[in-house]
């Protein structure tokens, strides 16, 4: 049957994941840094996700497609164990009361102590750093998602120590110009390695996507790129080499 269904322009998609959150049926997912239609039967053709896309990568078209199946959507969302909206990063999570009380007690005990910071530069936000800042020169670069430091206490000493860093959120920041600035940073500072530190939620894939594009545009062929993924409970889930 011919009906309205979503179409995604991968060239425009920056992998921010806003459409995933905007789709109540869970029809969209971020796969390898790009929005993908999971299954035609999950798309109701109403286009609620279009308004969430900051780059104009989504549009409704009319083509031959399987009929929308509401029961299949219900089963899909149940299987994914996510709320309406489809994004696991939107699901509320709470620590066990005993863990909270223990943390509060420990905080009182160390309230007079200060844990030294490994940060050795300022500013840190990608919008604010000058591409030719001296703290980038010949040092490894950490591209840090905004949520990672609050999720994991290890981020400061594990990743920032001895390295330059920029911090960004592909979902909530205005990301226009981010790829271009990263390209300038990578092209002119002799940076030997980039480590992307991201959360496990789909929208964080946009950060990896931006770094990959910047590496390609920089013309660097000798640059090592790694991706470290932090779980929602703060654990380091995996570190893998991308380039």
C-alpha atoms as a PDB file:
ATOM      1  CA  UNK A   1       0.000   0.000   0.000  1.00  0.00           C
ATOM      2  CA  UNK A   2       1.067   3.614  -0.587  1.00  0.00           C
ATOM      3  CA  UNK A   3       1.162   5.748   2.541  1.00  0.00           C
ATOM      4  CA  UNK A   4       3.108   8.502   4.274  1.00  0.00           C
ATOM      5  CA  UNK A   5       6.315   7.417   5.957  1.00  0.00           C
ATOM      6  CA  UNK A   6       9.493   9.055   7.254  1.00  0.00           C
ATOM      7  CA  UNK A   7      12.579   9.478   5.056  1.00  0.00           C
ATOM      8  CA  UNK A   8      16.018  10.352   6.459  1.00  0.00           C
ATOM      9  CA  UNK A   9      18.721  12.224   4.563  1.00  0.00           C
ATOM     10  CA  UNK A  10      21.890  10.711   6.032  1.00  0.00           C
ATOM     11  CA  UNK A  11      24.031  13.495   4.585  1.00  0.00           C
ATOM     12  CA  UNK A  12      22.183  16.018   6.765  1.00  0.00           C
ATOM     13  CA  UNK A  13      21.777  13.821   9.855  1.00  0.00           C
ATOM     14  CA  UNK A  14      24.260  14.627  12.634  1.00  0.00           C
ATOM     15  CA  UNK A  15      23.209  11.750  14.873  1.00  0.00           C
ATOM     16  CA  UNK A  16      21.952  13.992  17.687  1.00  0.00           C
ATOM     17  CA  UNK A  17      19.094  11.604  18.541  1.00  0.00           C
ATOM     18  CA  UNK A  18      16.423  14.320  18.922  1.00  0.00           C
ATOM     19  CA  UNK A  19      14.148  12.472  16.497  1.00  0.00           C
ATOM     20  CA  UNK A  20      14.495   9.258  18.521  1.00  0.00           C
ATOM     21  CA  UNK A  21      13.149  11.052  21.577  1.00  0.00           C
ATOM     22  CA  UNK A  22      10.431  12.705  19.498  1.00  0.00           C
ATOM     23  CA  UNK A  23       9.088   9.424  18.104  1.00  0.00           C
ATOM     24  CA  UNK A  24       6.577   7.973  20.569  1.00  0.00           C
ATOM     25  CA  UNK A  25       6.456   4.698  18.646  1.00  0.00           C
ATOM     26  CA  UNK A  26      10.176   3.943  18.856  1.00  0.00           C
ATOM     27  CA  UNK A  27      10.398   3.751  15.067  1.00  0.00           C
ATOM     28  CA  UNK A  28      13.780   5.475  14.945  1.00  0.00           C
ATOM     29  CA  UNK A  29      17.180   4.589  16.354  1.00  0.00           C
ATOM     30  CA  UNK A  30      20.729   5.911  16.094  1.00  0.00           C
ATOM     31  CA  UNK A  31      22.865   3.361  14.256  1.00  0.00           C
ATOM     32  CA  UNK A  32      26.552   4.108  13.641  1.00  0.00           C
ATOM     33  CA  UNK A  33      25.941   7.801  14.253  1.00  0.00           C
ATOM     34  CA  UNK A  34      22.931   8.183  11.945  1.00  0.00           C
ATOM     35  CA  UNK A  35      19.160   8.074  12.448  1.00  0.00           C
ATOM     36  CA  UNK A  36      17.597   4.945  10.952  1.00  0.00           C
ATOM     37  CA  UNK A  37      14.026   3.697  10.537  1.00  0.00           C
ATOM     38  CA  UNK A  38      13.890   0.544  12.668  1.00  0.00           C
ATOM     39  CA  UNK A  39      10.824  -0.956  11.002  1.00  0.00           C
ATOM     40  CA  UNK A  40       8.247   0.477   8.597  1.00  0.00           C
ATOM     41  CA  UNK A  41       5.338  -0.877  10.656  1.00  0.00           C
ATOM     42  CA  UNK A  42       6.422   1.254  13.650  1.00  0.00           C
ATOM     43  CA  UNK A  43       6.112   4.560  11.736  1.00  0.00           C
ATOM     44  CA  UNK A  44       2.619   6.081  11.956  1.00  0.00           C
ATOM     45  CA  UNK A  45       3.328   8.633   9.210  1.00  0.00           C
ATOM     46  CA  UNK A  46       2.317  11.623  11.321  1.00  0.00           C
ATOM     47  CA  UNK A  47       5.809  13.149  11.369  1.00  0.00           C
ATOM     48  CA  UNK A  48       6.074  14.199  15.024  1.00  0.00           C
ATOM     49  CA  UNK A  49       9.810  13.520  14.843  1.00  0.00           C
ATOM     50  CA  UNK A  50      10.356  16.119  12.086  1.00  0.00           C
ATOM     51  CA  UNK A  51       9.915  19.042  14.441  1.00  0.00           C
ATOM     52  CA  UNK A  52      12.678  17.667  16.665  1.00  0.00           C
ATOM     53  CA  UNK A  53      15.329  17.543  13.911  1.00  0.00           C
ATOM     54  CA  UNK A  54      17.727  20.532  14.044  1.00  0.00           C
ATOM     55  CA  UNK A  55      19.296  19.886  10.615  1.00  0.00           C
ATOM     56  CA  UNK A  56      16.240  19.215   8.437  1.00  0.00           C
ATOM     57  CA  UNK A  57      17.331  15.639   7.762  1.00  0.00           C
ATOM     58  CA  UNK A  58      13.809  14.210   8.144  1.00  0.00           C
ATOM     59  CA  UNK A  59      10.802  14.577   5.877  1.00  0.00           C
ATOM     60  CA  UNK A  60       7.563  12.745   5.164  1.00  0.00           C
ATOM     61  CA  UNK A  61       7.191  11.118   1.773  1.00  0.00           C
ATOM     62  CA  UNK A  62       4.530   8.915   0.226  1.00  0.00           C
ATOM     63  CA  UNK A  63       5.676   5.526  -0.996  1.00  0.00           C
ATOM     64  CA  UNK A  64       4.794   1.851  -0.874  1.00  0.00           C
ATOM     65  CA  UNK A  65       5.279   0.670   2.710  1.00  0.00           C
ATOM     66  CA  UNK A  66       3.907  -1.863   5.169  1.00  0.00           C
ATOM     67  CA  UNK A  67       0.860  -0.678   7.094  1.00  0.00           C
ATOM     68  CA  UNK A  68       1.365   0.938  10.529  1.00  0.00           C
ATOM     69  CA  UNK A  69       0.825  -1.707  13.226  1.00  0.00           C
ATOM     70  CA  UNK A  70      -0.106  -0.336  16.658  1.00  0.00           C
ATOM     71  CA  UNK A  71       0.129  -3.735  18.362  1.00  0.00           C
ATOM     72  CA  UNK A  72       3.590  -4.296  16.944  1.00  0.00           C
ATOM     73  CA  UNK A  73       4.609  -0.899  18.338  1.00  0.00           C
ATOM     74  CA  UNK A  74       3.363  -1.851  21.811  1.00  0.00           C
ATOM     75  CA  UNK A  75       5.366  -5.055  21.711  1.00  0.00           C
ATOM     76  CA  UNK A  76       8.440  -3.225  20.436  1.00  0.00           C
ATOM     77  CA  UNK A  77       8.361  -0.633  23.241  1.00  0.00           C
ATOM     78  CA  UNK A  78       7.814  -3.355  25.830  1.00  0.00           C
ATOM     79  CA  UNK A  79      10.749  -5.320  24.466  1.00  0.00           C
ATOM     80  CA  UNK A  80      12.967  -2.248  24.539  1.00  0.00           C
ATOM     81  CA  UNK A  81      11.798  -1.458  28.090  1.00  0.00           C
ATOM     82  CA  UNK A  82      11.743   2.235  27.312  1.00  0.00           C
ATOM     83  CA  UNK A  83       9.016   4.827  27.889  1.00  0.00           C
ATOM     84  CA  UNK A  84       6.981   6.304  25.032  1.00  0.00           C
ATOM     85  CA  UNK A  85       9.501   8.340  23.077  1.00  0.00           C
ATOM     86  CA  UNK A  86      11.815   5.391  22.554  1.00  0.00           C
ATOM     87  CA  UNK A  87      15.006   6.859  24.014  1.00  0.00           C
ATOM     88  CA  UNK A  88      16.551   4.876  26.892  1.00  0.00           C
ATOM     89  CA  UNK A  89      18.301   8.018  28.043  1.00  0.00           C
ATOM     90  CA  UNK A  90      14.907   9.481  29.008  1.00  0.00           C
ATOM     91  CA  UNK A  91      14.042   6.701  31.439  1.00  0.00           C
ATOM     92  CA  UNK A  92      14.113   7.825  35.067  1.00  0.00           C
ATOM     93  CA  UNK A  93      16.551   5.976  37.285  1.00  0.00           C
ATOM     94  CA  UNK A  94      16.946   6.089  41.044  1.00  0.00           C
ATOM     95  CA  UNK A  95      19.665   4.791  43.360  1.00  0.00           C
ATOM     96  CA  UNK A  96      18.692   2.446  46.167  1.00  0.00           C
ATOM     97  CA  UNK A  97      17.886   4.415  49.366  1.00  0.00           C
ATOM     98  CA  UNK A  98      20.679   2.604  51.248  1.00  0.00           C
ATOM     99  CA  UNK A  99      23.211   3.726  48.641  1.00  0.00           C
ATOM    100  CA  UNK A 100      22.004   7.316  48.864  1.00  0.00           C
ATOM    101  CA  UNK A 101      22.287   7.341  52.655  1.00  0.00           C
ATOM    102  CA  UNK A 102      25.776   5.835  52.507  1.00  0.00           C
ATOM    103  CA  UNK A 103      26.873   8.485  50.011  1.00  0.00           C
ATOM    104  CA  UNK A 104      25.466  11.266  52.187  1.00  0.00           C
ATOM    105  CA  UNK A 105      27.348   9.928  55.222  1.00  0.00           C
ATOM    106  CA  UNK A 106      30.607   9.687  53.277  1.00  0.00           C
ATOM    107  CA  UNK A 107      30.112  13.218  51.950  1.00  0.00           C
ATOM    108  CA  UNK A 108      29.859  14.553  55.504  1.00  0.00           C
ATOM    109  CA  UNK A 109      33.098  12.774  56.449  1.00  0.00           C
ATOM    110  CA  UNK A 110      35.120  14.273  53.594  1.00  0.00           C
ATOM    111  CA  UNK A 111      33.412  17.667  53.425  1.00  0.00           C
ATOM    112  CA  UNK A 112      36.630  19.379  54.519  1.00  0.00           C
ATOM    113  CA  UNK A 113      38.783  17.611  51.951  1.00  0.00           C
ATOM    114  CA  UNK A 114      39.357  18.706  48.367  1.00  0.00           C
ATOM    115  CA  UNK A 115      40.150  16.192  45.643  1.00  0.00           C
ATOM    116  CA  UNK A 116      42.722  17.786  43.309  1.00  0.00           C
ATOM    117  CA  UNK A 117      41.489  18.463  39.781  1.00  0.00           C
ATOM    118  CA  UNK A 118      43.391  17.156  36.764  1.00  0.00           C
ATOM    119  CA  UNK A 119      42.075  20.018  34.618  1.00  0.00           C
ATOM    120  CA  UNK A 120      44.922  22.170  33.310  1.00  0.00           C
ATOM    121  CA  UNK A 121      43.243  24.528  30.873  1.00  0.00           C
ATOM    122  CA  UNK A 122      40.435  27.044  30.521  1.00  0.00           C
ATOM    123  CA  UNK A 123      38.006  27.367  28.807  1.00  0.00           C
ATOM    124  CA  UNK A 124      36.754  23.842  28.151  1.00  0.00           C
ATOM    125  CA  UNK A 125      33.458  24.268  26.248  1.00  0.00           C
ATOM    126  CA  UNK A 126      33.833  23.661  22.505  1.00  0.00           C
ATOM    127  CA  UNK A 127      31.981  26.903  21.728  1.00  0.00           C
ATOM    128  CA  UNK A 128      34.571  28.900  23.684  1.00  0.00           C
ATOM    129  CA  UNK A 129      37.989  27.344  23.041  1.00  0.00           C
ATOM    130  CA  UNK A 130      40.196  29.063  20.434  1.00  0.00           C
ATOM    131  CA  UNK A 131      41.472  26.497  17.894  1.00  0.00           C
ATOM    132  CA  UNK A 132      45.045  27.775  18.268  1.00  0.00           C
ATOM    133  CA  UNK A 133      45.075  27.709  22.089  1.00  0.00           C
ATOM    134  CA  UNK A 134      48.543  26.658  23.360  1.00  0.00           C
ATOM    135  CA  UNK A 135      47.102  23.927  25.586  1.00  0.00           C
ATOM    136  CA  UNK A 136      46.227  21.883  22.455  1.00  0.00           C
ATOM    137  CA  UNK A 137      49.818  21.819  21.158  1.00  0.00           C
ATOM    138  CA  UNK A 138      51.142  18.251  20.723  1.00  0.00           C
ATOM    139  CA  UNK A 139      48.813  16.815  23.367  1.00  0.00           C
ATOM    140  CA  UNK A 140      46.161  14.135  23.207  1.00  0.00           C
ATOM    141  CA  UNK A 141      42.640  15.568  23.000  1.00  0.00           C
ATOM    142  CA  UNK A 142      39.599  14.391  24.952  1.00  0.00           C
ATOM    143  CA  UNK A 143      36.211  15.224  23.409  1.00  0.00           C
ATOM    144  CA  UNK A 144      33.978  14.907  26.437  1.00  0.00           C
ATOM    145  CA  UNK A 145      30.186  14.650  26.531  1.00  0.00           C
ATOM    146  CA  UNK A 146      28.568  17.049  28.992  1.00  0.00           C
ATOM    147  CA  UNK A 147      26.990  14.275  31.088  1.00  0.00           C
ATOM    148  CA  UNK A 148      30.035  12.010  31.443  1.00  0.00           C
ATOM    149  CA  UNK A 149      31.786  13.811  34.333  1.00  0.00           C
ATOM    150  CA  UNK A 150      28.620  13.847  36.449  1.00  0.00           C
ATOM    151  CA  UNK A 151      27.905  10.171  35.719  1.00  0.00           C
ATOM    152  CA  UNK A 152      31.381   8.855  36.512  1.00  0.00           C
ATOM    153  CA  UNK A 153      33.790  10.134  39.182  1.00  0.00           C
ATOM    154  CA  UNK A 154      36.637   8.439  37.298  1.00  0.00           C
ATOM    155  CA  UNK A 155      36.445  10.731  34.250  1.00  0.00           C
ATOM    156  CA  UNK A 156      38.711  13.425  35.697  1.00  0.00           C
ATOM    157  CA  UNK A 157      41.717  11.237  36.534  1.00  0.00           C
ATOM    158  CA  UNK A 158      41.116   8.531  33.910  1.00  0.00           C
ATOM    159  CA  UNK A 159      40.756  10.764  30.851  1.00  0.00           C
ATOM    160  CA  UNK A 160      41.583  14.414  31.546  1.00  0.00           C
ATOM    161  CA  UNK A 161      44.931  13.959  33.308  1.00  0.00           C
ATOM    162  CA  UNK A 162      47.758  15.212  31.075  1.00  0.00           C
ATOM    163  CA  UNK A 163      45.453  15.870  28.129  1.00  0.00           C
ATOM    164  CA  UNK A 164      43.702  18.808  26.484  1.00  0.00           C
ATOM    165  CA  UNK A 165      39.917  18.647  26.377  1.00  0.00           C
ATOM    166  CA  UNK A 166      36.757  20.104  24.910  1.00  0.00           C
ATOM    167  CA  UNK A 167      33.282  19.454  26.259  1.00  0.00           C
ATOM    168  CA  UNK A 168      30.084  19.370  24.188  1.00  0.00           C
ATOM    169  CA  UNK A 169      26.553  17.965  24.006  1.00  0.00           C
ATOM    170  CA  UNK A 170      25.354  16.936  20.533  1.00  0.00           C
ATOM    171  CA  UNK A 171      21.712  17.025  21.661  1.00  0.00           C
ATOM    172  CA  UNK A 172      21.344  20.264  23.641  1.00  0.00           C
ATOM    173  CA  UNK A 173      24.133  22.498  22.294  1.00  0.00           C
ATOM    174  CA  UNK A 174      23.818  24.602  19.177  1.00  0.00           C
ATOM    175  CA  UNK A 175      26.265  22.461  17.225  1.00  0.00           C
ATOM    176  CA  UNK A 176      26.592  24.636  14.115  1.00  0.00           C
ATOM    177  CA  UNK A 177      30.301  25.103  13.538  1.00  0.00           C
ATOM    178  CA  UNK A 178      31.392  22.286  15.866  1.00  0.00           C
ATOM    179  CA  UNK A 179      32.787  20.095  13.073  1.00  0.00           C
ATOM    180  CA  UNK A 180      34.615  23.060  11.557  1.00  0.00           C
ATOM    181  CA  UNK A 181      36.177  24.059  14.895  1.00  0.00           C
ATOM    182  CA  UNK A 182      37.240  20.490  15.647  1.00  0.00           C
ATOM    183  CA  UNK A 183      38.738  20.310  12.154  1.00  0.00           C
ATOM    184  CA  UNK A 184      40.819  23.434  12.837  1.00  0.00           C
ATOM    185  CA  UNK A 185      41.975  22.068  16.202  1.00  0.00           C
ATOM    186  CA  UNK A 186      43.026  18.728  14.720  1.00  0.00           C
ATOM    187  CA  UNK A 187      44.659  20.154  11.603  1.00  0.00           C
ATOM    188  CA  UNK A 188      47.056  22.596  13.209  1.00  0.00           C
ATOM    189  CA  UNK A 189      48.140  21.445  16.668  1.00  0.00           C
ATOM    190  CA  UNK A 190      50.004  18.158  16.166  1.00  0.00           C
ATOM    191  CA  UNK A 191      47.460  16.257  18.263  1.00  0.00           C
ATOM    192  CA  UNK A 192      48.428  12.551  18.130  1.00  0.00           C
ATOM    193  CA  UNK A 193      45.256  11.033  19.537  1.00  0.00           C
ATOM    194  CA  UNK A 194      41.587  11.852  20.181  1.00  0.00           C
ATOM    195  CA  UNK A 195      39.529  10.102  22.854  1.00  0.00           C
ATOM    196  CA  UNK A 196      35.753  10.541  22.664  1.00  0.00           C
ATOM    197  CA  UNK A 197      34.174  10.062  26.094  1.00  0.00           C
ATOM    198  CA  UNK A 198      30.425   9.608  25.663  1.00  0.00           C
ATOM    199  CA  UNK A 199      27.415   8.201  27.463  1.00  0.00           C
ATOM    200  CA  UNK A 200      25.706   5.011  26.291  1.00  0.00           C
ATOM    201  CA  UNK A 201      22.507   6.873  25.269  1.00  0.00           C
ATOM    202  CA  UNK A 202      21.851   7.135  21.498  1.00  0.00           C
ATOM    203  CA  UNK A 203      22.062  10.921  21.260  1.00  0.00           C
ATOM    204  CA  UNK A 204      25.704  10.823  22.384  1.00  0.00           C
ATOM    205  CA  UNK A 205      26.526   9.073  19.111  1.00  0.00           C
ATOM    206  CA  UNK A 206      26.362  12.515  17.535  1.00  0.00           C
ATOM    207  CA  UNK A 207      29.593  13.408  19.315  1.00  0.00           C
ATOM    208  CA  UNK A 208      31.404  10.481  17.697  1.00  0.00           C
ATOM    209  CA  UNK A 209      29.942  11.401  14.333  1.00  0.00           C
ATOM    210  CA  UNK A 210      31.226  14.984  14.589  1.00  0.00           C
ATOM    211  CA  UNK A 211      34.735  13.852  15.530  1.00  0.00           C
ATOM    212  CA  UNK A 212      34.868  11.396  12.614  1.00  0.00           C
ATOM    213  CA  UNK A 213      33.811  14.120  10.168  1.00  0.00           C
ATOM    214  CA  UNK A 214      36.369  16.522  11.619  1.00  0.00           C
ATOM    215  CA  UNK A 215      39.162  13.961  11.281  1.00  0.00           C
ATOM    216  CA  UNK A 216      38.262  13.391   7.628  1.00  0.00           C
ATOM    217  CA  UNK A 217      38.098  17.108   6.879  1.00  0.00           C
ATOM    218  CA  UNK A 218      41.408  17.758   8.652  1.00  0.00           C
ATOM    219  CA  UNK A 219      43.246  15.525   6.203  1.00  0.00           C
ATOM    220  CA  UNK A 220      45.049  13.791   9.063  1.00  0.00           C
ATOM    221  CA  UNK A 221      45.928  10.181   8.252  1.00  0.00           C
ATOM    222  CA  UNK A 222      48.121   9.495  11.294  1.00  0.00           C
ATOM    223  CA  UNK A 223      45.567  10.352  13.974  1.00  0.00           C
ATOM    224  CA  UNK A 224      44.410   7.697  16.457  1.00  0.00           C
ATOM    225  CA  UNK A 225      40.746   7.958  17.464  1.00  0.00           C
ATOM    226  CA  UNK A 226      39.262   6.019  20.387  1.00  0.00           C
ATOM    227  CA  UNK A 227      35.756   5.971  21.856  1.00  0.00           C
ATOM    228  CA  UNK A 228      35.101   5.335  25.551  1.00  0.00           C
ATOM    229  CA  UNK A 229      31.486   4.658  26.559  1.00  0.00           C
ATOM    230  CA  UNK A 230      30.204   5.434  30.054  1.00  0.00           C
ATOM    231  CA  UNK A 231      27.121   3.557  31.292  1.00  0.00           C
ATOM    232  CA  UNK A 232      24.181   5.252  32.958  1.00  0.00           C
ATOM    233  CA  UNK A 233      25.391   3.802  36.266  1.00  0.00           C
ATOM    234  CA  UNK A 234      28.794   5.445  35.792  1.00  0.00           C
ATOM    235  CA  UNK A 235      30.781   2.337  34.797  1.00  0.00           C
ATOM    236  CA  UNK A 236      33.199   2.378  31.876  1.00  0.00           C
ATOM    237  CA  UNK A 237      31.426  -0.049  29.505  1.00  0.00           C
ATOM    238  CA  UNK A 238      34.023  -0.254  26.735  1.00  0.00           C
ATOM    239  CA  UNK A 239      36.887   1.495  25.006  1.00  0.00           C
ATOM    240  CA  UNK A 240      37.439   0.842  21.329  1.00  0.00           C
ATOM    241  CA  UNK A 241      39.632   2.150  18.554  1.00  0.00           C
ATOM    242  CA  UNK A 242      37.691   3.780  15.720  1.00  0.00           C
ATOM    243  CA  UNK A 243      40.499   4.999  13.464  1.00  0.00           C
END
